[in-house]
Each structure stands twice: as C-alpha cells, then as structure tokens.
C-alpha cells in the first residue's frame, strides 16, 4: 500500500513541479513571438488546463502524503524531520496555488474576456511571480526529500 501511495505522491509532484518548470523556462520565453492579445489568450487557455491539473495533483499529493504518514504512524515509525518539512512546504505551496488561482488568474480571465490587454498583462505578470515562488518551493521540497536522509 505504501508503494502505491508513494507512486501517486510522486506523480502529483512530477506533474506540478514539472509543469511549472516547463511554463517558466520553455513556454514563457516563447510568448513574445505572439502579439499581446494572442499571448494572453494562449496563456489563459494553458493556465485554465494547468491549474485544473494542479488542483488534482495537489489533492492527490496531499492525500497520498497523509496516507503514507498514517501508515508509518500505525506501524510505530517515527516521522523523519524531512517529512515534516515537506508537509509544511507542501501546505505553503497549496496556499500559493490558491492565491494564484483566486487572485491573478481570476483577474487574467476577466481581462481576457473583456479584451483588456493591459490588465491581462499585469495579471499574467502576477501569475508568473506566484509560479516562480511555487517552483522554488517545489525544488526545495524535492531537495529535502532526496538529500534529507
């Protein structure tokens, strides 16, 4: 059971952190090839799909992580310090995700619907900052998981 939970846990992390890395280092630098209206429409469409996927990935990661911790506790195992650190950082990442989803992304969606390109650009810049923060936190979580033994 632990192996299955760990599989789902890692799958969620790979989707979330890998998706942010792709968006930040591959997609974002290519956006200037498009005119601002097309750029913002594309990013709105991409972010709609990605943020829905991240919601599923975050919930799956949270549930599987809790499941692993419960199984370890039932077996009488002590929780390593890095499990606590990963859990705390994961909760911070979920909070950053919620902020991006309910704040800047919602503003981006409204701006694209209204064809308000300056407001859309400002909202997208805020989304980018939130993604950068979460990407850094995600890399830190992976480092703690691998190096924290």
Foldseek 3Di string as FASTA:
>chain_A
DLVVLVVLLVVLLCLLLVVLCCCQPPVVVPLVVDDLLVSLVVVLVVCVVSLVSNVVSLVSNLVSLVVNVVVCVVVVHDDAPLSVVLNVLSVVLVVLSVCLVVPLSVQLVVCSVVVVRVSNVVSVVVSNVSSVVSSVSSVVSVCCVVVVD
